[in-house]
Amino acid sequence: MPGLSGKELLTRVLEMYPGTPVIMISGISDQEQAQSLISLGAFDYLLK
């Protein structure tokens, strides 16, 4: 997204609201990115 990315949003939500699950959505099939986001704390990674 323009401005802050979804990854930056994920990081801030996890810091400020640690009990809130964050589901990531991406148009790019990137296993490394998916694994990275899940290990950061994303609940799920869905592909468009």
All heavy atoms as atom14 arrays in JSON, in Angstrom:
{
  "sequence": "MPGLSGKELLTRVLEMYPGTPVIMISGISDQEQAQSLISLGAFDYLLK",
  "atom14_mask": [
    [1, 1, 1, 1, 1, 1, 1, 1, 0, 0, 0, 0, 0, 0],
    [1, 1, 1, 1, 1, 1, 1, 0, 0, 0, 0, 0, 0, 0],
    [1, 1, 1, 1, 0, 0, 0, 0, 0, 0, 0, 0, 0, 0],
    [1, 1, 1, 1, 1, 1, 1, 1, 0, 0, 0, 0, 0, 0],
    [1, 1, 1, 1, 1, 1, 0, 0, 0, 0, 0, 0, 0, 0],
    [1, 1, 1, 1, 0, 0, 0, 0, 0, 0, 0, 0, 0, 0],
    [1, 1, 1, 1, 1, 1, 1, 1, 1, 0, 0, 0, 0, 0],
    [1, 1, 1, 1, 1, 1, 1, 1, 1, 0, 0, 0, 0, 0],
    [1, 1, 1, 1, 1, 1, 1, 1, 0, 0, 0, 0, 0, 0],
    [1, 1, 1, 1, 1, 1, 1, 1, 0, 0, 0, 0, 0, 0],
    [1, 1, 1, 1, 1, 1, 1, 0, 0, 0, 0, 0, 0, 0],
    [1, 1, 1, 1, 1, 1, 1, 1, 1, 1, 1, 0, 0, 0],
    [1, 1, 1, 1, 1, 1, 1, 0, 0, 0, 0, 0, 0, 0],
    [1, 1, 1, 1, 1, 1, 1, 1, 0, 0, 0, 0, 0, 0],
    [1, 1, 1, 1, 1, 1, 1, 1, 1, 0, 0, 0, 0, 0],
    [1, 1, 1, 1, 1, 1, 1, 1, 0, 0, 0, 0, 0, 0],
    [1, 1, 1, 1, 1, 1, 1, 1, 1, 1, 1, 1, 0, 0],
    [1, 1, 1, 1, 1, 1, 1, 0, 0, 0, 0, 0, 0, 0],
    [1, 1, 1, 1, 0, 0, 0, 0, 0, 0, 0, 0, 0, 0],
    [1, 1, 1, 1, 1, 1, 1, 0, 0, 0, 0, 0, 0, 0],
    [1, 1, 1, 1, 1, 1, 1, 0, 0, 0, 0, 0, 0, 0],
    [1, 1, 1, 1, 1, 1, 1, 0, 0, 0, 0, 0, 0, 0],
    [1, 1, 1, 1, 1, 1, 1, 1, 0, 0, 0, 0, 0, 0],
    [1, 1, 1, 1, 1, 1, 1, 1, 0, 0, 0, 0, 0, 0],
    [1, 1, 1, 1, 1, 1, 1, 1, 0, 0, 0, 0, 0, 0],
    [1, 1, 1, 1, 1, 1, 0, 0, 0, 0, 0, 0, 0, 0],
    [1, 1, 1, 1, 0, 0, 0, 0, 0, 0, 0, 0, 0, 0],
    [1, 1, 1, 1, 1, 1, 1, 1, 0, 0, 0, 0, 0, 0],
    [1, 1, 1, 1, 1, 1, 0, 0, 0, 0, 0, 0, 0, 0],
    [1, 1, 1, 1, 1, 1, 1, 1, 0, 0, 0, 0, 0, 0],
    [1, 1, 1, 1, 1, 1, 1, 1, 1, 0, 0, 0, 0, 0],
    [1, 1, 1, 1, 1, 1, 1, 1, 1, 0, 0, 0, 0, 0],
    [1, 1, 1, 1, 1, 1, 1, 1, 1, 0, 0, 0, 0, 0],
    [1, 1, 1, 1, 1, 0, 0, 0, 0, 0, 0, 0, 0, 0],
    [1, 1, 1, 1, 1, 1, 1, 1, 1, 0, 0, 0, 0, 0],
    [1, 1, 1, 1, 1, 1, 0, 0, 0, 0, 0, 0, 0, 0],
    [1, 1, 1, 1, 1, 1, 1, 1, 0, 0, 0, 0, 0, 0],
    [1, 1, 1, 1, 1, 1, 1, 1, 0, 0, 0, 0, 0, 0],
    [1, 1, 1, 1, 1, 1, 0, 0, 0, 0, 0, 0, 0, 0],
    [1, 1, 1, 1, 1, 1, 1, 1, 0, 0, 0, 0, 0, 0],
    [1, 1, 1, 1, 0, 0, 0, 0, 0, 0, 0, 0, 0, 0],
    [1, 1, 1, 1, 1, 0, 0, 0, 0, 0, 0, 0, 0, 0],
    [1, 1, 1, 1, 1, 1, 1, 1, 1, 1, 1, 0, 0, 0],
    [1, 1, 1, 1, 1, 1, 1, 1, 0, 0, 0, 0, 0, 0],
    [1, 1, 1, 1, 1, 1, 1, 1, 1, 1, 1, 1, 0, 0],
    [1, 1, 1, 1, 1, 1, 1, 1, 0, 0, 0, 0, 0, 0],
    [1, 1, 1, 1, 1, 1, 1, 1, 0, 0, 0, 0, 0, 0],
    [1, 1, 1, 1, 1, 1, 1, 1, 1, 0, 0, 0, 0, 0]
  ],
  "atom14_positions": [
    [[0.86, -1.18, 0.0], [0.0, 0.0, 0.0], [0.89, 1.23, 0.0], [2.03, 1.16, 0.45], [-0.9, 0.02, 1.25], [-1.89, -1.11, 1.33], [-2.94, -1.0, 2.8], [-1.79, -1.41, 4.11], [0.0, 0.0, 0.0], [0.0, 0.0, 0.0], [0.0, 0.0, 0.0], [0.0, 0.0, 0.0], [0.0, 0.0, 0.0], [0.0, 0.0, 0.0]],
    [[0.37, 2.36, -0.48], [1.16, 3.59, -0.39], [1.32, 3.99, 1.08], [0.5, 3.64, 1.92], [0.31, 4.62, -1.14], [-1.04, 4.02, -1.33], [-0.91, 2.56, -1.14], [0.0, 0.0, 0.0], [0.0, 0.0, 0.0], [0.0, 0.0, 0.0], [0.0, 0.0, 0.0], [0.0, 0.0, 0.0], [0.0, 0.0, 0.0], [0.0, 0.0, 0.0]],
    [[2.41, 4.68, 1.4], [2.65, 5.04, 2.79], [3.18, 3.83, 3.54], [4.0, 3.07, 3.02], [0.0, 0.0, 0.0], [0.0, 0.0, 0.0], [0.0, 0.0, 0.0], [0.0, 0.0, 0.0], [0.0, 0.0, 0.0], [0.0, 0.0, 0.0], [0.0, 0.0, 0.0], [0.0, 0.0, 0.0], [0.0, 0.0, 0.0], [0.0, 0.0, 0.0]],
    [[2.69, 3.63, 4.76], [3.11, 2.46, 5.54], [2.64, 1.19, 4.84], [1.52, 1.12, 4.34], [2.49, 2.49, 6.94], [3.0, 3.54, 7.92], [2.22, 3.45, 9.23], [4.48, 3.37, 8.18], [0.0, 0.0, 0.0], [0.0, 0.0, 0.0], [0.0, 0.0, 0.0], [0.0, 0.0, 0.0], [0.0, 0.0, 0.0], [0.0, 0.0, 0.0]],
    [[3.48, 0.18, 4.83], [3.11, -1.1, 4.22], [2.3, -1.95, 5.2], [2.22, -1.64, 6.4], [4.37, -1.88, 3.84], [5.03, -2.34, 5.01], [0.0, 0.0, 0.0], [0.0, 0.0, 0.0], [0.0, 0.0, 0.0], [0.0, 0.0, 0.0], [0.0, 0.0, 0.0], [0.0, 0.0, 0.0], [0.0, 0.0, 0.0], [0.0, 0.0, 0.0]],
    [[1.71, -3.0, 4.69], [1.0, -3.94, 5.55], [1.93, -4.58, 6.57], [1.53, -4.86, 7.7], [0.0, 0.0, 0.0], [0.0, 0.0, 0.0], [0.0, 0.0, 0.0], [0.0, 0.0, 0.0], [0.0, 0.0, 0.0], [0.0, 0.0, 0.0], [0.0, 0.0, 0.0], [0.0, 0.0, 0.0], [0.0, 0.0, 0.0], [0.0, 0.0, 0.0]],
    [[3.19, -4.79, 6.18], [4.16, -5.37, 7.12], [4.4, -4.4, 8.29], [4.47, -4.83, 9.44], [5.47, -5.66, 6.39], [6.53, -6.28, 7.27], [7.78, -6.6, 6.49], [8.83, -7.21, 7.4], [10.05, -7.56, 6.66], [0.0, 0.0, 0.0], [0.0, 0.0, 0.0], [0.0, 0.0, 0.0], [0.0, 0.0, 0.0], [0.0, 0.0, 0.0]],
    [[4.52, -3.1, 7.98], [4.7, -2.12, 9.05], [3.45, -2.03, 9.93], [3.55, -1.9, 11.15], [5.02, -0.74, 8.44], [6.4, -0.71, 7.8], [6.59, 0.51, 6.91], [5.76, 0.76, 6.02], [7.6, 1.21, 7.13], [0.0, 0.0, 0.0], [0.0, 0.0, 0.0], [0.0, 0.0, 0.0], [0.0, 0.0, 0.0], [0.0, 0.0, 0.0]],
    [[2.28, -2.15, 9.31], [1.03, -2.17, 10.07], [1.0, -3.38, 11.0], [0.66, -3.27, 12.17], [-0.18, -2.16, 9.14], [-1.55, -2.23, 9.82], [-1.77, -1.06, 10.78], [-2.66, -2.28, 8.78], [0.0, 0.0, 0.0], [0.0, 0.0, 0.0], [0.0, 0.0, 0.0], [0.0, 0.0, 0.0], [0.0, 0.0, 0.0], [0.0, 0.0, 0.0]],
    [[1.38, -4.54, 10.47], [1.44, -5.76, 11.27], [2.32, -5.54, 12.51], [1.9, -5.84, 13.64], [2.0, -6.92, 10.44], [2.4, -8.18, 11.21], [1.18, -8.88, 11.79], [3.18, -9.13, 10.31], [0.0, 0.0, 0.0], [0.0, 0.0, 0.0], [0.0, 0.0, 0.0], [0.0, 0.0, 0.0], [0.0, 0.0, 0.0], [0.0, 0.0, 0.0]],
    [[3.5, -5.0, 12.31], [4.43, -4.77, 13.41], [3.82, -3.86, 14.47], [3.89, -4.14, 15.66], [5.75, -4.15, 12.88], [6.28, -5.03, 11.88], [6.76, -3.96, 13.97], [0.0, 0.0, 0.0], [0.0, 0.0, 0.0], [0.0, 0.0, 0.0], [0.0, 0.0, 0.0], [0.0, 0.0, 0.0], [0.0, 0.0, 0.0], [0.0, 0.0, 0.0]],
    [[3.18, -2.78, 14.03], [2.58, -1.83, 14.99], [1.39, -2.44, 15.72], [1.22, -2.23, 16.92], [2.18, -0.56, 14.27], [3.4, 0.2, 13.8], [3.09, 1.61, 13.49], [4.25, 2.26, 12.91], [4.24, 3.5, 12.51], [3.15, 4.23, 12.6], [5.33, 4.03, 12.0], [0.0, 0.0, 0.0], [0.0, 0.0, 0.0], [0.0, 0.0, 0.0]],
    [[0.56, -3.19, 15.0], [-0.6, -3.83, 15.66], [-0.11, -4.81, 16.71], [-0.62, -4.84, 17.83], [-1.52, -4.53, 14.62], [-2.57, -5.39, 15.33], [-2.2, -3.5, 13.73], [0.0, 0.0, 0.0], [0.0, 0.0, 0.0], [0.0, 0.0, 0.0], [0.0, 0.0, 0.0], [0.0, 0.0, 0.0], [0.0, 0.0, 0.0], [0.0, 0.0, 0.0]],
    [[0.91, -5.6, 16.37], [1.43, -6.58, 17.34], [2.04, -5.9, 18.56], [1.94, -6.42, 19.67], [2.45, -7.5, 16.66], [1.87, -8.43, 15.6], [3.0, -9.18, 14.9], [0.85, -9.38, 16.18], [0.0, 0.0, 0.0], [0.0, 0.0, 0.0], [0.0, 0.0, 0.0], [0.0, 0.0, 0.0], [0.0, 0.0, 0.0], [0.0, 0.0, 0.0]],
    [[2.67, -4.74, 18.36], [3.25, -4.0, 19.49], [2.16, -3.39, 20.37], [2.21, -3.47, 21.59], [4.14, -2.86, 18.98], [5.47, -3.31, 18.45], [6.23, -2.15, 17.77], [5.77, -0.99, 17.83], [7.27, -2.43, 17.16], [0.0, 0.0, 0.0], [0.0, 0.0, 0.0], [0.0, 0.0, 0.0], [0.0, 0.0, 0.0], [0.0, 0.0, 0.0]],
    [[1.19, -2.72, 19.72], [0.2, -1.95, 20.46], [-1.02, -2.77, 20.9], [-1.63, -2.47, 21.93], [-0.26, -0.76, 19.6], [0.89, 0.2, 19.32], [0.69, 1.4, 17.95], [-0.98, 1.88, 17.99], [0.0, 0.0, 0.0], [0.0, 0.0, 0.0], [0.0, 0.0, 0.0], [0.0, 0.0, 0.0], [0.0, 0.0, 0.0], [0.0, 0.0, 0.0]],
    [[-1.38, -3.79, 20.13], [-2.57, -4.61, 20.41], [-2.2, -6.08, 20.23], [-2.64, -6.73, 19.29], [-3.72, -4.22, 19.46], [-3.88, -2.72, 19.33], [-3.34, -2.03, 18.26], [-4.55, -1.99, 20.32], [-3.46, -0.64, 18.16], [-4.67, -0.61, 20.23], [-4.12, 0.06, 19.15], [-4.24, 1.42, 19.06], [0.0, 0.0, 0.0], [0.0, 0.0, 0.0]],
    [[-1.35, -6.61, 21.11], [-0.77, -7.94, 20.9], [-1.78, -9.09, 20.79], [-1.46, -10.12, 20.22], [0.16, -8.13, 22.1], [-0.22, -7.08, 23.09], [-0.89, -5.98, 22.34], [0.0, 0.0, 0.0], [0.0, 0.0, 0.0], [0.0, 0.0, 0.0], [0.0, 0.0, 0.0], [0.0, 0.0, 0.0], [0.0, 0.0, 0.0], [0.0, 0.0, 0.0]],
    [[-2.98, -8.92, 21.28], [-3.96, -10.0, 21.19], [-4.78, -9.99, 19.9], [-5.64, -10.84, 19.71], [0.0, 0.0, 0.0], [0.0, 0.0, 0.0], [0.0, 0.0, 0.0], [0.0, 0.0, 0.0], [0.0, 0.0, 0.0], [0.0, 0.0, 0.0], [0.0, 0.0, 0.0], [0.0, 0.0, 0.0], [0.0, 0.0, 0.0], [0.0, 0.0, 0.0]],
    [[-4.52, -9.02, 19.01], [-5.32, -8.88, 17.8], [-4.68, -9.65, 16.64], [-3.58, -9.29, 16.2], [-5.44, -7.38, 17.41], [-6.0, -6.67, 18.52], [-6.34, -7.21, 16.2], [0.0, 0.0, 0.0], [0.0, 0.0, 0.0], [0.0, 0.0, 0.0], [0.0, 0.0, 0.0], [0.0, 0.0, 0.0], [0.0, 0.0, 0.0], [0.0, 0.0, 0.0]],
    [[-5.35, -10.69, 16.14], [-4.81, -11.42, 14.99], [-4.81, -10.55, 13.73], [-5.77, -9.82, 13.49], [-5.76, -12.6, 14.82], [-6.65, -12.62, 16.01], [-6.6, -11.26, 16.62], [0.0, 0.0, 0.0], [0.0, 0.0, 0.0], [0.0, 0.0, 0.0], [0.0, 0.0, 0.0], [0.0, 0.0, 0.0], [0.0, 0.0, 0.0], [0.0, 0.0, 0.0]],
    [[-3.73, -10.65, 12.95], [-3.61, -9.9, 11.7], [-3.47, -10.9, 10.56], [-2.56, -11.72, 10.56], [-2.4, -8.94, 11.73], [-2.31, -8.17, 10.41], [-2.5, -7.98, 12.91], [0.0, 0.0, 0.0], [0.0, 0.0, 0.0], [0.0, 0.0, 0.0], [0.0, 0.0, 0.0], [0.0, 0.0, 0.0], [0.0, 0.0, 0.0], [0.0, 0.0, 0.0]],
    [[-4.38, -10.81, 9.6], [-4.36, -11.66, 8.41], [-3.8, -10.82, 7.26], [-4.33, -9.76, 6.96], [-5.77, -12.18, 8.07], [-6.3, -13.02, 9.23], [-5.75, -12.97, 6.76], [-7.77, -13.38, 9.13], [0.0, 0.0, 0.0], [0.0, 0.0, 0.0], [0.0, 0.0, 0.0], [0.0, 0.0, 0.0], [0.0, 0.0, 0.0], [0.0, 0.0, 0.0]],
    [[-2.72, -11.29, 6.65], [-2.07, -10.57, 5.56], [-2.64, -11.03, 4.22], [-2.89, -12.23, 4.03], [-0.56, -10.83, 5.59], [0.11, -10.58, 6.93], [-0.08, -8.92, 7.59], [0.89, -7.98, 6.42], [0.0, 0.0, 0.0], [0.0, 0.0, 0.0], [0.0, 0.0, 0.0], [0.0, 0.0, 0.0], [0.0, 0.0, 0.0], [0.0, 0.0, 0.0]],
    [[-2.79, -10.07, 3.3], [-3.3, -10.36, 1.96], [-2.28, -9.85, 0.95], [-1.81, -8.71, 1.06], [-4.65, -9.65, 1.71], [-5.67, -10.05, 2.76], [-5.16, -9.94, 0.31], [-6.92, -9.19, 2.75], [0.0, 0.0, 0.0], [0.0, 0.0, 0.0], [0.0, 0.0, 0.0], [0.0, 0.0, 0.0], [0.0, 0.0, 0.0], [0.0, 0.0, 0.0]],
    [[-1.94, -10.68, -0.04], [-0.95, -10.25, -1.03], [-1.3, -10.76, -2.42], [-1.86, -11.84, -2.57], [0.44, -10.78, -0.65], [1.38, -10.4, -1.63], [0.0, 0.0, 0.0], [0.0, 0.0, 0.0], [0.0, 0.0, 0.0], [0.0, 0.0, 0.0], [0.0, 0.0, 0.0], [0.0, 0.0, 0.0], [0.0, 0.0, 0.0], [0.0, 0.0, 0.0]],
    [[-0.94, -9.96, -3.4], [-1.09, -10.37, -4.79], [0.14, -11.08, -5.31], [0.18, -11.53, -6.44], [0.0, 0.0, 0.0], [0.0, 0.0, 0.0], [0.0, 0.0, 0.0], [0.0, 0.0, 0.0], [0.0, 0.0, 0.0], [0.0, 0.0, 0.0], [0.0, 0.0, 0.0], [0.0, 0.0, 0.0], [0.0, 0.0, 0.0], [0.0, 0.0, 0.0]],
    [[1.17, -11.18, -4.47], [2.43, -11.78, -4.89], [2.65, -13.09, -4.15], [2.66, -13.12, -2.93], [3.6, -10.82, -4.6], [3.39, -9.5, -5.33], [4.93, -11.46, -4.99], [4.28, -8.39, -4.84], [0.0, 0.0, 0.0], [0.0, 0.0, 0.0], [0.0, 0.0, 0.0], [0.0, 0.0, 0.0], [0.0, 0.0, 0.0], [0.0, 0.0, 0.0]],
    [[2.81, -14.16, -4.91], [3.08, -15.46, -4.32], [4.56, -15.55, -3.98], [5.39, -15.77, -4.86], [2.68, -16.57, -5.3], [2.99, -17.82, -4.75], [0.0, 0.0, 0.0], [0.0, 0.0, 0.0], [0.0, 0.0, 0.0], [0.0, 0.0, 0.0], [0.0, 0.0, 0.0], [0.0, 0.0, 0.0], [0.0, 0.0, 0.0], [0.0, 0.0, 0.0]],
    [[4.88, -15.34, -2.73], [6.27, -15.33, -2.29], [6.35, -16.09, -0.97], [6.0, -15.56, 0.08], [6.73, -13.87, -2.13], [8.17, -13.75, -1.68], [8.74, -14.73, -1.16], [8.73, -12.66, -1.84], [0.0, 0.0, 0.0], [0.0, 0.0, 0.0], [0.0, 0.0, 0.0], [0.0, 0.0, 0.0], [0.0, 0.0, 0.0], [0.0, 0.0, 0.0]],
    [[6.8, -17.34, -1.05], [6.86, -18.19, 0.14], [7.76, -17.6, 1.22], [7.45, -17.68, 2.4], [7.37, -19.59, -0.23], [6.28, -20.57, -0.59], [5.16, -20.61, 0.44], [4.05, -20.17, 0.17], [5.4, -21.13, 1.63], [0.0, 0.0, 0.0], [0.0, 0.0, 0.0], [0.0, 0.0, 0.0], [0.0, 0.0, 0.0], [0.0, 0.0, 0.0]],
    [[8.87, -16.99, 0.79], [9.78, -16.39, 1.77], [9.1, -15.27, 2.53], [9.2, -15.17, 3.74], [11.03, -15.85, 1.06], [12.25, -16.67, 1.32], [13.45, -16.1, 0.6], [13.84, -14.95, 0.91], [13.99, -16.82, -0.26], [0.0, 0.0, 0.0], [0.0, 0.0, 0.0], [0.0, 0.0, 0.0], [0.0, 0.0, 0.0], [0.0, 0.0, 0.0]],
    [[8.38, -14.42, 1.78], [7.66, -13.31, 2.41], [6.57, -13.85, 3.34], [6.41, -13.37, 4.45], [7.02, -12.4, 1.36], [6.24, -11.26, 1.99], [5.69, -10.3, 0.95], [6.34, -9.99, -0.03], [4.49, -9.83, 1.17], [0.0, 0.0, 0.0], [0.0, 0.0, 0.0], [0.0, 0.0, 0.0], [0.0, 0.0, 0.0], [0.0, 0.0, 0.0]],
    [[5.86, -14.85, 2.88], [4.8, -15.45, 3.7], [5.38, -15.98, 5.0], [4.86, -15.69, 6.08], [4.09, -16.56, 2.93], [0.0, 0.0, 0.0], [0.0, 0.0, 0.0], [0.0, 0.0, 0.0], [0.0, 0.0, 0.0], [0.0, 0.0, 0.0], [0.0, 0.0, 0.0], [0.0, 0.0, 0.0], [0.0, 0.0, 0.0], [0.0, 0.0, 0.0]],
    [[6.46, -16.73, 4.92], [7.09, -17.3, 6.11], [7.61, -16.2, 7.03], [7.49, -16.29, 8.25], [8.23, -18.24, 5.73], [7.75, -19.53, 5.1], [6.91, -20.35, 6.06], [5.94, -19.87, 6.64], [7.27, -21.6, 6.24], [0.0, 0.0, 0.0], [0.0, 0.0, 0.0], [0.0, 0.0, 0.0], [0.0, 0.0, 0.0], [0.0, 0.0, 0.0]],
    [[8.17, -15.16, 6.43], [8.7, -14.05, 7.22], [7.57, -13.36, 8.0], [7.72, -13.06, 9.18], [9.38, -13.05, 6.27], [9.56, -11.82, 6.89], [0.0, 0.0, 0.0], [0.0, 0.0, 0.0], [0.0, 0.0, 0.0], [0.0, 0.0, 0.0], [0.0, 0.0, 0.0], [0.0, 0.0, 0.0], [0.0, 0.0, 0.0], [0.0, 0.0, 0.0]],
    [[6.43, -13.13, 7.34], [5.3, -12.46, 8.01], [4.7, -13.34, 9.09], [4.34, -12.86, 10.16], [4.25, -12.06, 6.98], [4.69, -10.95, 6.02], [3.71, -10.81, 4.87], [4.85, -9.63, 6.77], [0.0, 0.0, 0.0], [0.0, 0.0, 0.0], [0.0, 0.0, 0.0], [0.0, 0.0, 0.0], [0.0, 0.0, 0.0], [0.0, 0.0, 0.0]],
    [[4.6, -14.64, 8.83], [4.08, -15.57, 9.83], [5.02, -15.61, 11.04], [4.58, -15.57, 12.18], [3.87, -16.99, 9.24], [2.82, -16.97, 8.12], [3.52, -18.0, 10.33], [1.41, -16.64, 8.53], [0.0, 0.0, 0.0], [0.0, 0.0, 0.0], [0.0, 0.0, 0.0], [0.0, 0.0, 0.0], [0.0, 0.0, 0.0], [0.0, 0.0, 0.0]],
    [[6.33, -15.64, 10.78], [7.26, -15.67, 11.92], [7.28, -14.34, 12.67], [7.56, -14.31, 13.86], [8.67, -16.1, 11.51], [9.12, -15.44, 10.4], [0.0, 0.0, 0.0], [0.0, 0.0, 0.0], [0.0, 0.0, 0.0], [0.0, 0.0, 0.0], [0.0, 0.0, 0.0], [0.0, 0.0, 0.0], [0.0, 0.0, 0.0], [0.0, 0.0, 0.0]],
    [[6.92, -13.24, 11.99], [6.79, -11.96, 12.69], [5.57, -11.94, 13.6], [5.51, -11.17, 14.54], [6.62, -10.83, 11.67], [7.85, -10.13, 11.18], [7.49, -9.09, 10.12], [8.59, -9.45, 12.31], [0.0, 0.0, 0.0], [0.0, 0.0, 0.0], [0.0, 0.0, 0.0], [0.0, 0.0, 0.0], [0.0, 0.0, 0.0], [0.0, 0.0, 0.0]],
    [[4.58, -12.78, 13.28], [3.39, -12.84, 14.12], [2.07, -12.75, 13.38], [1.01, -12.72, 14.01], [0.0, 0.0, 0.0], [0.0, 0.0, 0.0], [0.0, 0.0, 0.0], [0.0, 0.0, 0.0], [0.0, 0.0, 0.0], [0.0, 0.0, 0.0], [0.0, 0.0, 0.0], [0.0, 0.0, 0.0], [0.0, 0.0, 0.0], [0.0, 0.0, 0.0]],
    [[2.11, -12.69, 12.03], [0.85, -12.68, 11.27], [0.1, -13.97, 11.53], [0.7, -15.04, 11.64], [1.13, -12.52, 9.77], [0.0, 0.0, 0.0], [0.0, 0.0, 0.0], [0.0, 0.0, 0.0], [0.0, 0.0, 0.0], [0.0, 0.0, 0.0], [0.0, 0.0, 0.0], [0.0, 0.0, 0.0], [0.0, 0.0, 0.0], [0.0, 0.0, 0.0]],
    [[-1.22, -13.87, 11.63], [-2.02, -15.07, 11.86], [-2.11, -15.93, 10.61], [-2.06, -17.15, 10.67], [-3.44, -14.68, 12.31], [-4.33, -15.86, 12.51], [-4.21, -16.63, 13.66], [-5.24, -16.24, 11.54], [-5.0, -17.75, 13.84], [-6.03, -17.36, 11.71], [-5.92, -18.12, 12.86], [0.0, 0.0, 0.0], [0.0, 0.0, 0.0], [0.0, 0.0, 0.0]],
    [[-2.25, -15.29, 9.44], [-2.41, -16.03, 8.19], [-1.92, -15.17, 7.04], [-1.76, -13.95, 7.17], [-3.89, -16.39, 7.98], [-4.11, -17.6, 7.08], [-3.13, -18.11, 6.5], [-5.27, -18.04, 6.97], [0.0, 0.0, 0.0], [0.0, 0.0, 0.0], [0.0, 0.0, 0.0], [0.0, 0.0, 0.0], [0.0, 0.0, 0.0], [0.0, 0.0, 0.0]],
    [[-1.69, -15.81, 5.88], [-1.21, -15.14, 4.68], [-2.07, -15.66, 3.53], [-2.04, -16.85, 3.23], [0.26, -15.5, 4.47], [0.93, -14.84, 3.29], [1.61, -13.64, 3.44], [0.93, -15.43, 2.03], [2.27, -13.04, 2.38], [1.57, -14.84, 0.96], [2.24, -13.64, 1.14], [2.88, -13.05, 0.08], [0.0, 0.0, 0.0], [0.0, 0.0, 0.0]],
    [[-2.89, -14.76, 2.94], [-3.8, -15.16, 1.86], [-3.35, -14.51, 0.56], [-2.97, -13.35, 0.53], [-5.22, -14.71, 2.18], [-5.79, -15.17, 3.52], [-7.19, -14.59, 3.72], [-5.8, -16.67, 3.62], [0.0, 0.0, 0.0], [0.0, 0.0, 0.0], [0.0, 0.0, 0.0], [0.0, 0.0, 0.0], [0.0, 0.0, 0.0], [0.0, 0.0, 0.0]],
    [[-3.42, -15.3, -0.52], [-3.03, -14.81, -1.84], [-4.22, -14.31, -2.63], [-5.27, -14.96, -2.65], [-2.36, -15.93, -2.63], [-0.88, -16.14, -2.4], [-0.4, -17.33, -3.21], [-0.08, -14.91, -2.76], [0.0, 0.0, 0.0], [0.0, 0.0, 0.0], [0.0, 0.0, 0.0], [0.0, 0.0, 0.0], [0.0, 0.0, 0.0], [0.0, 0.0, 0.0]],
    [[-4.05, -13.16, -3.31], [-5.05, -12.68, -4.26], [-4.75, -13.37, -5.59], [-3.58, -13.55, -5.92], [-4.92, -11.17, -4.48], [-5.19, -10.31, -3.28], [-4.94, -8.85, -3.68], [-4.93, -7.93, -2.5], [-4.52, -6.57, -2.85], [0.0, 0.0, 0.0], [0.0, 0.0, 0.0], [0.0, 0.0, 0.0], [0.0, 0.0, 0.0], [0.0, 0.0, 0.0]]
  ]
}
